[in-house]
């Protein structure tokens, strides 16, 4: 699963994925969001070079991965959500610092929608 998560948070994620998503859906979304945060800058600013297949309907684009993470954060128990949110927020901050062309009023607003 995702590094730096406690066993209880991982168990909460697995329970949620069994009932609402598919196995390792959150790990996949986190991996892609992490790759976007640490990958080449052209992935952040040019959709032609992004880590997706090119079809927005399939959900394998930056905003789709981040939207999945946001959904999971709202569905997890409070303690587990807080733990995962800290990791996701660090990636959000890294993306926004690296890609100064992405405007964001607040990290709490869904700034990723329409940006990838």
C-alpha atoms as a PDB file:
ATOM      1  CA  UNK A   1       0.000   0.000   0.000  1.00  0.00           C
ATOM      2  CA  UNK A   2       0.962   3.632   0.374  1.00  0.00           C
ATOM      3  CA  UNK A   3       4.200   4.215   2.304  1.00  0.00           C
ATOM      4  CA  UNK A   4       3.983   5.973   5.665  1.00  0.00           C
ATOM      5  CA  UNK A   5       0.367   4.938   6.369  1.00  0.00           C
ATOM      6  CA  UNK A   6      -0.459   3.123   9.581  1.00  0.00           C
ATOM      7  CA  UNK A   7      -1.883  -0.370   9.595  1.00  0.00           C
ATOM      8  CA  UNK A   8      -5.282   0.901  10.718  1.00  0.00           C
ATOM      9  CA  UNK A   9      -5.439   3.441   7.893  1.00  0.00           C
ATOM     10  CA  UNK A  10      -4.427   0.780   5.388  1.00  0.00           C
ATOM     11  CA  UNK A  11      -7.135  -1.530   6.745  1.00  0.00           C
ATOM     12  CA  UNK A  12      -9.723   1.265   6.444  1.00  0.00           C
ATOM     13  CA  UNK A  13      -8.639   1.839   2.838  1.00  0.00           C
ATOM     14  CA  UNK A  14      -8.920  -1.846   1.979  1.00  0.00           C
ATOM     15  CA  UNK A  15     -12.426  -2.039   3.510  1.00  0.00           C
ATOM     16  CA  UNK A  16     -13.509   1.034   1.572  1.00  0.00           C
ATOM     17  CA  UNK A  17     -12.077  -0.257  -1.677  1.00  0.00           C
ATOM     18  CA  UNK A  18     -13.870  -3.592  -1.262  1.00  0.00           C
ATOM     19  CA  UNK A  19     -17.222  -1.857  -0.925  1.00  0.00           C
ATOM     20  CA  UNK A  20     -16.921   1.238  -3.155  1.00  0.00           C
ATOM     21  CA  UNK A  21     -14.048   0.894  -5.617  1.00  0.00           C
ATOM     22  CA  UNK A  22     -11.662  -1.896  -6.618  1.00  0.00           C
ATOM     23  CA  UNK A  23      -8.586  -3.345  -4.896  1.00  0.00           C
ATOM     24  CA  UNK A  24      -5.681  -0.900  -4.745  1.00  0.00           C
ATOM     25  CA  UNK A  25      -7.630   1.902  -6.485  1.00  0.00           C
ATOM     26  CA  UNK A  26      -6.389   4.462  -3.971  1.00  0.00           C
ATOM     27  CA  UNK A  27      -2.815   3.237  -4.159  1.00  0.00           C
ATOM     28  CA  UNK A  28      -2.962   3.604  -7.945  1.00  0.00           C
ATOM     29  CA  UNK A  29      -4.385   7.128  -7.730  1.00  0.00           C
ATOM     30  CA  UNK A  30      -1.801   8.109  -5.101  1.00  0.00           C
ATOM     31  CA  UNK A  31       1.015   6.654  -7.217  1.00  0.00           C
ATOM     32  CA  UNK A  32      -0.062   8.691 -10.251  1.00  0.00           C
ATOM     33  CA  UNK A  33      -0.491  11.868  -8.191  1.00  0.00           C
ATOM     34  CA  UNK A  34       2.954  11.305  -6.680  1.00  0.00           C
ATOM     35  CA  UNK A  35       4.419  10.748 -10.157  1.00  0.00           C
ATOM     36  CA  UNK A  36       2.857  14.007 -11.290  1.00  0.00           C
ATOM     37  CA  UNK A  37       4.315  15.822  -8.272  1.00  0.00           C
ATOM     38  CA  UNK A  38       7.823  14.446  -8.771  1.00  0.00           C
ATOM     39  CA  UNK A  39       7.932  13.876 -12.523  1.00  0.00           C
ATOM     40  CA  UNK A  40       8.998  16.196 -15.328  1.00  0.00           C
ATOM     41  CA  UNK A  41       7.461  19.664 -15.268  1.00  0.00           C
ATOM     42  CA  UNK A  42       6.095  19.213 -18.777  1.00  0.00           C
ATOM     43  CA  UNK A  43       3.607  16.715 -17.312  1.00  0.00           C
ATOM     44  CA  UNK A  44       2.201  19.502 -15.168  1.00  0.00           C
ATOM     45  CA  UNK A  45       1.854  22.181 -17.810  1.00  0.00           C
ATOM     46  CA  UNK A  46       1.270  20.318 -21.070  1.00  0.00           C
ATOM     47  CA  UNK A  47      -1.596  17.808 -21.237  1.00  0.00           C
ATOM     48  CA  UNK A  48       0.006  16.135 -24.253  1.00  0.00           C
ATOM     49  CA  UNK A  49       2.836  14.914 -22.007  1.00  0.00           C
ATOM     50  CA  UNK A  50       0.719  14.039 -18.957  1.00  0.00           C
ATOM     51  CA  UNK A  51       0.487  10.576 -17.410  1.00  0.00           C
ATOM     52  CA  UNK A  52      -2.871   9.751 -18.975  1.00  0.00           C
ATOM     53  CA  UNK A  53      -4.254   7.930 -21.994  1.00  0.00           C
ATOM     54  CA  UNK A  54      -5.746  11.045 -23.609  1.00  0.00           C
ATOM     55  CA  UNK A  55      -9.402  10.187 -23.016  1.00  0.00           C
ATOM     56  CA  UNK A  56     -10.866  12.328 -20.194  1.00  0.00           C
ATOM     57  CA  UNK A  57     -13.855   9.984 -19.891  1.00  0.00           C
ATOM     58  CA  UNK A  58     -11.710   7.107 -18.623  1.00  0.00           C
ATOM     59  CA  UNK A  59     -10.557   9.007 -15.509  1.00  0.00           C
ATOM     60  CA  UNK A  60      -6.848   8.224 -15.889  1.00  0.00           C
ATOM     61  CA  UNK A  61      -5.806  11.877 -15.923  1.00  0.00           C
ATOM     62  CA  UNK A  62      -4.344  14.022 -13.175  1.00  0.00           C
ATOM     63  CA  UNK A  63      -7.645  15.523 -12.094  1.00  0.00           C
ATOM     64  CA  UNK A  64      -9.307  12.092 -12.104  1.00  0.00           C
ATOM     65  CA  UNK A  65      -6.641  10.642  -9.833  1.00  0.00           C
ATOM     66  CA  UNK A  66      -6.826  13.612  -7.479  1.00  0.00           C
ATOM     67  CA  UNK A  67     -10.623  13.493  -7.493  1.00  0.00           C
ATOM     68  CA  UNK A  68     -10.495   9.827  -6.465  1.00  0.00           C
ATOM     69  CA  UNK A  69      -8.188  10.740  -3.585  1.00  0.00           C
ATOM     70  CA  UNK A  70     -10.561  13.520  -2.533  1.00  0.00           C
ATOM     71  CA  UNK A  71     -13.519  11.130  -2.569  1.00  0.00           C
ATOM     72  CA  UNK A  72     -11.600   8.633  -0.446  1.00  0.00           C
ATOM     73  CA  UNK A  73     -10.632  11.369   2.017  1.00  0.00           C
ATOM     74  CA  UNK A  74     -14.310  12.139   2.546  1.00  0.00           C
ATOM     75  CA  UNK A  75     -15.302   8.483   2.963  1.00  0.00           C
ATOM     76  CA  UNK A  76     -12.562   7.329   5.339  1.00  0.00           C
ATOM     77  CA  UNK A  77     -12.951   7.514   9.118  1.00  0.00           C
ATOM     78  CA  UNK A  78     -11.675  10.826  10.487  1.00  0.00           C
ATOM     79  CA  UNK A  79      -8.332   9.580  11.860  1.00  0.00           C
ATOM     80  CA  UNK A  80      -7.431   7.662   8.692  1.00  0.00           C
ATOM     81  CA  UNK A  81      -8.532  10.558   6.501  1.00  0.00           C
ATOM     82  CA  UNK A  82      -6.309  12.934   8.455  1.00  0.00           C
ATOM     83  CA  UNK A  83      -3.344  10.593   7.967  1.00  0.00           C
ATOM     84  CA  UNK A  84      -3.857  10.239   4.206  1.00  0.00           C
ATOM     85  CA  UNK A  85      -4.702  13.935   3.809  1.00  0.00           C
ATOM     86  CA  UNK A  86      -1.264  14.894   5.158  1.00  0.00           C
ATOM     87  CA  UNK A  87       0.420  12.876   2.394  1.00  0.00           C
ATOM     88  CA  UNK A  88      -1.897  14.130  -0.350  1.00  0.00           C
ATOM     89  CA  UNK A  89      -1.560  17.732   0.807  1.00  0.00           C
ATOM     90  CA  UNK A  90       2.245  17.485   0.612  1.00  0.00           C
ATOM     91  CA  UNK A  91       1.919  16.349  -3.014  1.00  0.00           C
ATOM     92  CA  UNK A  92      -0.582  19.145  -3.740  1.00  0.00           C
ATOM     93  CA  UNK A  93       1.843  21.712  -2.368  1.00  0.00           C
ATOM     94  CA  UNK A  94       4.706  20.292  -4.408  1.00  0.00           C
ATOM     95  CA  UNK A  95       2.657  20.392  -7.604  1.00  0.00           C
ATOM     96  CA  UNK A  96       1.593  23.989  -7.012  1.00  0.00           C
ATOM     97  CA  UNK A  97       5.107  25.135  -6.135  1.00  0.00           C
ATOM     98  CA  UNK A  98       6.595  23.491  -9.213  1.00  0.00           C
ATOM     99  CA  UNK A  99       3.884  24.591 -11.632  1.00  0.00           C
ATOM    100  CA  UNK A 100       3.453  28.265 -10.987  1.00  0.00           C
ATOM    101  CA  UNK A 101       1.070  28.441 -13.968  1.00  0.00           C
ATOM    102  CA  UNK A 102      -1.631  26.612 -11.993  1.00  0.00           C
ATOM    103  CA  UNK A 103      -3.581  29.177  -9.975  1.00  0.00           C
ATOM    104  CA  UNK A 104      -4.880  28.053  -6.594  1.00  0.00           C
ATOM    105  CA  UNK A 105      -6.610  30.287  -4.086  1.00  0.00           C
ATOM    106  CA  UNK A 106      -6.502  27.601  -1.422  1.00  0.00           C
ATOM    107  CA  UNK A 107      -5.369  24.018  -1.013  1.00  0.00           C
ATOM    108  CA  UNK A 108      -8.818  23.285   0.416  1.00  0.00           C
ATOM    109  CA  UNK A 109     -10.576  24.178  -2.849  1.00  0.00           C
ATOM    110  CA  UNK A 110     -10.637  21.654  -5.742  1.00  0.00           C
ATOM    111  CA  UNK A 111      -7.962  23.551  -7.686  1.00  0.00           C
ATOM    112  CA  UNK A 112      -7.025  20.455  -9.742  1.00  0.00           C
ATOM    113  CA  UNK A 113     -10.347  20.376 -11.625  1.00  0.00           C
ATOM    114  CA  UNK A 114      -9.959  21.740 -15.141  1.00  0.00           C
ATOM    115  CA  UNK A 115      -6.174  22.023 -14.769  1.00  0.00           C
ATOM    116  CA  UNK A 116      -5.071  18.649 -16.177  1.00  0.00           C
END
